[in-house]
Protein backbone atom coordinates (compact mmCIF):
# COMPACT_ATOMS: atom_id res chain seq x y z
CA UNK A 1 14.26 17.64 -27.65
CA UNK A 2 17.65 18.21 -29.36
CA UNK A 3 20.01 15.66 -29.96
CA UNK A 4 22.41 16.83 -27.36
CA UNK A 5 19.87 16.84 -24.54
CA UNK A 6 20.52 14.49 -21.79
CA UNK A 7 18.33 11.21 -21.89
CA UNK A 8 18.21 11.26 -17.84
CA UNK A 9 17.42 13.55 -15.32
CA UNK A 10 20.79 12.87 -13.22
CA UNK A 11 22.53 13.87 -16.23
CA UNK A 12 21.23 17.73 -16.21
CA UNK A 13 23.87 20.26 -15.36
CA UNK A 14 21.99 21.55 -12.18
CA UNK A 15 21.46 18.02 -10.80
CA UNK A 16 20.37 17.83 -8.08
CA UNK A 17 18.99 21.46 -7.43
CA UNK A 18 15.72 20.62 -7.66
CA UNK A 19 12.87 23.54 -7.91
CA UNK A 20 9.03 23.32 -7.70
CA UNK A 21 5.94 25.55 -7.96
CA UNK A 22 5.58 26.63 -4.65
CA UNK A 23 2.69 29.06 -4.80
CA UNK A 24 0.48 26.19 -5.95
CA UNK A 25 1.11 23.80 -3.23
CA UNK A 26 -0.43 25.36 -0.11
CA UNK A 27 -4.12 24.66 -0.59
CA UNK A 28 -3.28 20.96 -1.54
CA UNK A 29 -1.09 20.50 1.36
CA UNK A 30 -3.95 21.96 3.45
CA UNK A 31 -6.22 19.64 2.20
CA UNK A 32 -3.83 16.70 2.66
CA UNK A 33 -3.09 17.82 6.43
CA UNK A 34 -6.68 18.02 7.10
CA UNK A 35 -7.33 14.57 6.11
CA UNK A 36 -4.10 13.40 7.83
CA UNK A 37 -5.60 14.66 11.08
CA UNK A 38 -9.27 13.40 10.31
CA UNK A 39 -7.89 10.12 10.00
CA UNK A 40 -5.74 10.55 13.09
CA UNK A 41 -8.87 11.99 15.14
CA UNK A 42 -10.99 9.04 13.81
CA UNK A 43 -8.67 6.43 14.99
CA UNK A 44 -8.56 7.92 18.67
CA UNK A 45 -12.37 7.03 18.96
CA UNK A 46 -11.69 3.35 19.05
CA UNK A 47 -10.62 1.66 22.35
CA UNK A 48 -6.94 0.49 22.98
CA UNK A 49 -7.90 -3.43 21.88
CA UNK A 50 -9.75 -2.23 18.93
CA UNK A 51 -6.99 0.27 17.70
CA UNK A 52 -4.36 -2.35 17.95
CA UNK A 53 -6.48 -4.68 16.05
CA UNK A 54 -6.96 -2.12 13.30
CA UNK A 55 -3.48 -1.50 13.07
CA UNK A 56 -2.47 -5.10 12.94
CA UNK A 57 -4.79 -5.38 10.01
CA UNK A 58 -3.32 -2.37 7.92
CA UNK A 59 0.26 -3.68 8.65
CA UNK A 60 -0.69 -7.22 7.20
CA UNK A 61 -2.21 -5.56 4.05
CA UNK A 62 0.62 -3.59 3.79
CA UNK A 63 2.97 -6.45 3.79
CA UNK A 64 1.07 -8.29 1.50
CA UNK A 65 1.12 -5.52 -0.88
CA UNK A 66 4.61 -6.16 -1.64
CA UNK A 67 3.60 -9.76 -3.18
CA UNK A 68 1.73 -10.89 -5.98
CA UNK A 69 -1.74 -12.20 -5.24
CA UNK A 70 -1.34 -15.48 -3.21
CA UNK A 71 -3.95 -18.32 -4.40
CA UNK A 72 -3.16 -19.91 -0.90
CA UNK A 73 -5.30 -18.58 2.39
CA UNK A 74 -1.95 -20.05 4.42
CA UNK A 75 0.24 -17.27 3.08
CA UNK A 76 -1.84 -14.82 4.77
CA UNK A 77 -1.73 -16.72 7.69
CA UNK A 78 1.87 -16.59 7.92
CA UNK A 79 1.98 -12.81 7.30
CA UNK A 80 -0.38 -12.63 10.25
CA UNK A 81 1.90 -14.41 12.57
CA UNK A 82 4.88 -12.70 11.27
CA UNK A 83 3.48 -9.22 11.92
CA UNK A 84 1.99 -10.26 15.20
CA UNK A 85 5.41 -11.73 16.57
CA UNK A 86 7.25 -8.48 15.41
CA UNK A 87 4.54 -6.09 16.94
CA UNK A 88 3.76 -8.01 20.25
CA UNK A 89 0.18 -8.13 18.87
CA UNK A 90 -1.84 -10.66 20.72
CA UNK A 91 -5.38 -12.32 19.50
CA UNK A 92 -6.50 -15.82 19.51
CA UNK A 93 -7.08 -15.43 15.98
CA UNK A 94 -3.57 -15.18 15.11
CA UNK A 95 -1.66 -18.51 14.50
CA UNK A 96 1.94 -17.34 16.12
CA UNK A 97 2.96 -20.90 15.90
CA UNK A 98 2.54 -20.89 12.01
CA UNK A 99 6.22 -21.46 10.63
CA UNK A 100 7.79 -18.50 9.29
CA UNK A 101 9.89 -18.05 6.15
CA UNK A 102 12.64 -15.41 5.92
CA UNK A 103 10.92 -14.06 2.81
CA UNK A 104 7.78 -13.05 5.01
CA UNK A 105 9.84 -12.10 8.26
CA UNK A 106 12.18 -9.83 6.12
CA UNK A 107 9.52 -7.63 4.60
CA UNK A 108 7.73 -7.35 7.97
CA UNK A 109 11.01 -6.01 9.51
CA UNK A 110 11.34 -3.74 6.38
CA UNK A 111 7.82 -2.41 6.80
CA UNK A 112 8.17 -1.54 10.41
CA UNK A 113 11.56 -0.47 10.36
CA UNK A 114 10.66 2.41 7.75
CA UNK A 115 8.07 3.45 10.36
CA UNK A 116 9.82 2.94 13.42
CA UNK A 117 13.41 4.88 13.25
CA UNK A 118 11.91 8.63 12.84
CA UNK A 119 13.60 10.08 15.64
CA UNK A 120 17.51 8.82 14.11
CA UNK A 121 19.51 9.99 11.81
CA UNK A 122 19.31 7.98 8.46
CA UNK A 123 22.54 6.35 7.00
CA UNK A 124 23.89 4.15 4.83
CA UNK A 125 23.70 0.92 6.71
CA UNK A 126 19.81 1.34 7.01
CA UNK A 127 19.34 1.28 3.29
CA UNK A 128 21.91 -1.56 2.73
CA UNK A 129 19.89 -3.33 5.26
CA UNK A 130 16.58 -2.70 3.40
CA UNK A 131 18.03 -3.90 0.26
CA UNK A 132 19.67 -7.04 2.06
CA UNK A 133 16.19 -7.86 3.23
CA UNK A 134 14.52 -7.67 -0.04
CA UNK A 135 17.53 -9.57 -1.66
CA UNK A 136 17.16 -12.44 0.86
CA UNK A 137 13.65 -12.53 0.22
CA UNK A 138 14.62 -13.19 -3.44
CA UNK A 139 16.88 -15.67 -2.94
CA UNK A 140 14.29 -17.82 -0.88
CA UNK A 141 11.79 -17.33 -3.37
CA UNK A 142 13.54 -19.52 -5.89
CA UNK A 143 12.90 -22.66 -3.64
CA UNK A 144 9.18 -21.61 -2.37
CA UNK A 145 5.95 -21.99 -4.07
CA UNK A 146 4.70 -18.82 -2.25
CA UNK A 147 3.94 -15.91 -4.23
CA UNK A 148 6.84 -13.78 -5.29
CA UNK A 149 7.94 -10.37 -4.67
CA UNK A 150 6.37 -7.66 -6.83
CA UNK A 151 8.40 -6.38 -9.67
CA UNK A 152 7.63 -2.77 -10.57
CA UNK A 153 9.76 -1.09 -13.44
CA UNK A 154 10.33 2.56 -13.16
CA UNK A 155 11.11 5.14 -15.96
CA UNK A 156 14.45 6.06 -15.03
CA UNK A 157 17.82 4.26 -15.84
CA UNK A 158 20.29 3.45 -13.02
CA UNK A 159 23.46 5.78 -12.46
CA UNK A 160 26.86 4.29 -13.42
CA UNK A 161 28.12 2.93 -10.41
CA UNK A 162 31.17 4.91 -9.98
CA UNK A 163 28.91 7.76 -9.33
CA UNK A 164 26.71 5.78 -6.85
CA UNK A 165 28.44 6.45 -3.44
CA UNK A 166 28.72 10.23 -3.74
CA UNK A 167 25.21 10.41 -5.15
CA UNK A 168 23.82 8.38 -2.11
CA UNK A 169 25.95 10.59 0.39
CA UNK A 170 24.47 13.73 -1.20
CA UNK A 171 21.08 12.20 -0.81
CA UNK A 172 21.39 11.33 2.99
CA UNK A 173 23.10 14.46 3.98
CA UNK A 174 19.86 16.48 2.41
CA UNK A 175 17.59 14.05 4.18
CA UNK A 176 18.90 14.63 7.67
CA UNK A 177 19.37 18.17 7.38
CA UNK A 178 15.94 18.63 6.50
CA UNK A 179 14.36 16.34 9.08
CA UNK A 180 13.40 19.10 11.48
CA UNK A 181 13.44 22.08 8.74
CA UNK A 182 10.37 24.28 8.99
CA UNK A 183 11.41 25.27 5.35
CA UNK A 184 9.94 22.41 3.60
CA UNK A 185 6.64 20.57 4.39
CA UNK A 186 6.86 16.93 5.54
CA UNK A 187 4.74 15.46 2.59
CA UNK A 188 6.92 17.52 -0.03
CA UNK A 189 9.98 16.18 1.43
CA UNK A 190 8.39 12.67 1.27
CA UNK A 191 7.70 13.24 -2.36
CA UNK A 192 11.12 14.69 -2.75
CA UNK A 193 12.72 11.41 -1.19
CA UNK A 194 10.74 8.96 -2.97
CA UNK A 195 11.87 10.57 -6.56
CA UNK A 196 15.42 11.04 -5.61
CA UNK A 197 16.09 7.60 -4.41
CA UNK A 198 14.26 6.27 -7.43
CA UNK A 199 16.40 8.20 -9.88
CA UNK A 200 19.65 7.36 -8.18
CA UNK A 201 18.86 3.47 -8.18
CA UNK A 202 21.64 2.55 -5.18
CA UNK A 203 21.13 -1.09 -5.91
CA UNK A 204 20.24 -3.77 -8.90
CA UNK A 205 16.71 -4.27 -8.12
CA UNK A 206 13.97 -3.06 -6.28
CA UNK A 207 13.86 0.48 -6.90
CA UNK A 208 10.02 1.25 -5.86
CA UNK A 209 10.33 -0.48 -2.31
CA UNK A 210 13.51 1.37 -1.57
CA UNK A 211 12.06 4.77 -2.50
CA UNK A 212 8.79 3.95 -0.88
CA UNK A 213 10.46 3.04 2.31
CA UNK A 214 12.28 6.41 2.29
CA UNK A 215 9.01 8.27 1.75
CA UNK A 216 7.29 6.31 4.41
CA UNK A 217 10.03 7.05 6.71
CA UNK A 218 9.92 11.03 6.01
CA UNK A 219 6.15 10.60 6.51
CA UNK A 220 6.81 8.98 9.77
CA UNK A 221 8.93 12.34 10.74
CA UNK A 222 6.10 14.58 10.20
CA UNK A 223 3.79 16.23 12.63
CA UNK A 224 1.16 13.33 12.19
CA UNK A 225 2.25 9.89 11.77
CA UNK A 226 -0.69 8.16 10.25
CA UNK A 227 1.46 5.74 7.76
CA UNK A 228 0.50 2.85 9.85
CA UNK A 229 -3.26 3.26 9.06
CA UNK A 230 -2.82 3.87 5.36
CA UNK A 231 -1.69 1.80 2.05
CA UNK A 232 0.39 4.24 0.18
CA UNK A 233 2.39 1.70 -1.35
CA UNK A 234 -1.02 -0.01 -3.25
CA UNK A 235 -1.88 3.96 -4.74
CA UNK A 236 1.89 4.62 -5.96
CA UNK A 237 1.60 1.00 -7.54
CA UNK A 238 -1.67 1.68 -9.17
CA UNK A 239 -0.27 4.83 -10.63
CA UNK A 240 2.71 3.85 -11.81
CA UNK A 241 1.44 0.24 -13.49
CA UNK A 242 -2.17 1.78 -14.71
CA UNK A 243 -2.53 2.37 -18.48
CA UNK A 244 -2.70 6.08 -19.74
CA UNK A 245 -4.17 8.58 -19.18
CA UNK A 246 -4.55 7.46 -15.34
CA UNK A 247 -0.54 6.90 -15.00
CA UNK A 248 1.30 10.06 -15.51
CA UNK A 249 4.61 8.90 -14.05
CA UNK A 250 6.26 9.12 -17.56
CA UNK A 251 5.01 12.30 -18.33
CA UNK A 252 6.33 13.80 -14.88
CA UNK A 253 9.37 12.02 -15.99
CA UNK A 254 9.48 13.82 -19.29
CA UNK A 255 8.37 17.22 -17.99
CA UNK A 256 11.11 17.42 -15.31
CA UNK A 257 13.72 16.27 -18.02
CA UNK A 258 12.43 18.93 -20.33
CA UNK A 259 12.15 21.73 -17.59
CA UNK A 260 15.66 21.96 -15.99
CA UNK A 261 14.77 19.92 -12.53
CA UNK A 262 11.35 21.42 -12.17
CA UNK A 263 9.87 18.74 -10.21
CA UNK A 264 6.39 19.97 -9.82
CA UNK A 265 4.70 17.14 -11.67
CA UNK A 266 6.76 14.55 -9.67
CA UNK A 267 5.28 16.04 -6.73
CA UNK A 268 1.91 16.29 -7.52
CA UNK A 269 1.59 12.56 -8.73
CA UNK A 270 3.00 11.73 -5.12
CA UNK A 271 0.69 13.74 -3.54
CA UNK A 272 -2.50 12.68 -5.69
CA UNK A 273 -1.23 8.93 -4.55
CA UNK A 274 -1.27 10.09 -0.70
CA UNK A 275 -4.67 11.71 -0.85
CA UNK A 276 -6.35 8.54 -2.41
CA UNK A 277 -4.39 6.59 0.33
CA UNK A 278 -5.57 8.99 3.00
CA UNK A 279 -9.19 8.91 1.76
CA UNK A 280 -9.27 4.94 1.41
CA UNK A 281 -7.82 5.05 5.25
CA UNK A 282 -10.62 7.15 6.50
CA UNK A 283 -13.34 4.76 4.45
CA UNK A 284 -11.30 1.77 6.27
CA UNK A 285 -11.83 3.48 9.84
CA UNK A 286 -15.51 4.45 9.27
CA UNK A 287 -16.19 0.64 7.98
CA UNK A 288 -14.29 -0.69 11.35
CA UNK A 289 -16.49 1.71 13.13
CA UNK A 290 -19.78 0.56 11.77
CA UNK A 291 -18.59 -3.02 12.32
CA UNK A 292 -18.05 -2.26 15.89
CA UNK A 293 -21.53 -0.85 16.12
CA UNK A 294 -23.04 -3.45 14.53
CA UNK A 295 -21.92 -6.26 16.71
CA UNK A 296 -23.03 -3.93 19.82
CA UNK A 297 -26.21 -3.50 18.66
CA UNK A 298 -26.61 -7.45 17.81
CA UNK A 299 -24.54 -8.88 20.81
CA UNK A 300 -27.82 -10.41 22.23
CA UNK A 301 -29.21 -11.42 19.19
CA UNK A 302 -29.67 -15.44 18.79
CA UNK A 303 -27.92 -16.20 15.82
CA UNK A 304 -26.64 -19.69 14.63
CA UNK A 305 -23.04 -20.39 14.42
CA UNK A 306 -23.61 -20.40 10.54
CA UNK A 307 -24.99 -16.86 10.55
CA UNK A 308 -22.46 -15.53 12.99
CA UNK A 309 -19.62 -16.90 10.56
CA UNK A 310 -21.25 -15.32 7.27
CA UNK A 311 -21.73 -12.07 9.28
CA UNK A 312 -18.07 -11.69 10.23
CA UNK A 313 -16.88 -12.46 6.98
CA UNK A 314 -19.01 -9.39 5.25
CA UNK A 315 -17.76 -7.25 8.21
CA UNK A 316 -14.24 -8.53 7.87
CA UNK A 317 -13.84 -8.83 4.33
CA UNK A 318 -10.72 -6.96 2.64
CA UNK A 319 -12.54 -6.89 -0.66
CA UNK A 320 -15.96 -5.89 -2.18
CA UNK A 321 -16.90 -9.40 -2.41
CA UNK A 322 -18.82 -9.89 0.41
CA UNK A 323 -18.52 -6.48 1.97
CA UNK A 324 -21.57 -5.03 -0.03
CA UNK A 325 -23.74 -7.93 0.11
CA UNK A 326 -24.12 -11.76 -0.48
CA UNK A 327 -26.69 -14.00 -2.38
CA UNK A 328 -28.25 -16.91 -1.57
CA UNK A 329 -25.34 -18.88 -3.36
CA UNK A 330 -22.61 -17.38 -1.48
CA UNK A 331 -24.21 -17.85 1.66
CA UNK A 332 -24.54 -21.46 0.74
CA UNK A 333 -20.64 -21.51 0.21
CA UNK A 334 -19.78 -19.60 3.39
CA UNK A 335 -22.09 -21.49 5.51
CA UNK A 336 -21.80 -24.84 4.00
CA UNK A 337 -25.34 -25.40 4.15
CA UNK A 338 -28.21 -26.41 1.66
CA UNK A 339 -30.23 -23.82 -0.57
CA UNK A 340 -33.17 -24.06 1.45
CA UNK A 341 -31.41 -23.31 4.70
CA UNK A 342 -29.32 -20.56 3.35
CA UNK A 343 -32.75 -18.98 2.47
CA UNK A 344 -34.28 -19.74 5.85
CA UNK A 345 -31.05 -18.22 7.49
CA UNK A 346 -30.96 -15.16 5.27
CA UNK A 347 -34.62 -14.47 6.09
CA UNK A 348 -34.41 -14.49 9.89
CA UNK A 349 -31.34 -12.22 9.55
CA UNK A 350 -33.58 -9.63 7.51
CA UNK A 351 -36.07 -10.24 10.29
CA UNK A 352 -33.49 -9.33 12.98
CA UNK A 353 -32.34 -6.33 11.50
CA UNK A 354 -28.89 -7.75 10.42
CA UNK A 355 -29.52 -7.57 6.80
CA UNK A 356 -31.51 -6.04 4.29
CA UNK A 357 -32.72 -7.07 0.77
CA UNK A 358 -31.63 -5.11 -1.85
CA UNK A 359 -34.46 -4.10 -4.57
CA UNK A 360 -33.77 -6.66 -7.21
CA UNK A 361 -35.33 -9.99 -6.77
CA UNK A 362 -34.90 -13.45 -8.02
CA UNK A 363 -31.88 -15.30 -8.06
CA UNK A 364 -29.66 -12.63 -7.76
CA UNK A 365 -31.18 -11.01 -4.84
CA UNK A 366 -28.50 -9.80 -2.60
CA UNK A 367 -28.30 -9.12 1.01
CA UNK A 368 -26.47 -6.06 2.62
CA UNK A 369 -25.48 -5.35 5.84
CA UNK A 370 -27.87 -2.98 8.00
CA UNK A 371 -25.84 -0.51 9.98
């Protein structure tokens, strides 16, 4: 790079006249739209109440993704209560009377707002409101022991403040003009929205969350709105924060800077994250389907309270800790029973066809769900 080469993408002479390699996009986009259709089609097989529960659980995960991991399980209870209150979801398992903090309420409002205003023209007041919600959450965090909002850095340096108003107006005009355009694919539009707003950095702080909200809004304005069923933010964060060579955001930024606003690497980076989010969304729905089928099969089985609680924990686990099996020690911990009782319960669950033993024996023997 020569000494007089701009250091930032927004300093390039042709900014913001982006270009990209359109010929390579159709097969990638066809695959993504196929996955969108598969995800939406899969969601339609669930009865209304089951779908509402799945959607609720996905929204809870999307809100939790915005915070650092919580050591206290009460924080999840608060997030569930806030999502239920905002969406009208009803379940005896959700404690709607749990006291709510503005930190959580504002994040729920932002998550839902980004996918519920797809039929309206976007305006500057919306992004100001998003920022206000984020800023208010940070202010409250200073006096609260609950987990902090994640801090995620992007490679770009913020624009001079005197340029921000004009640049934001140009972006908003483009965003509204392309909302119903057939000349640009909705997923490409979402990727450009994420990139463009993350480069503008209209406020001090939260560039990823603001840019992500824009991409979520763009995706919700597409033909198939599957955003509530996936956790795209988690995939984007993984790509931004992962060590090389997995993370290529820095390389995408450098390539765009060196190739006069050819944003192909940025778009491919976003599309890769979106594909992983869709695949995990489909996997999640498949798990929910197997979960419903499991209880349908065993609804008349005579199971103890402890056995039911352990099975429900395994079937409801959001991680791989219990989803893919438990050993006797884990059963003892979950059911709060002795080792002898745990062994007896596990043996009974195998006999009833609820669990199966893995091939390995001894103390490390694990018992998997049998679907």
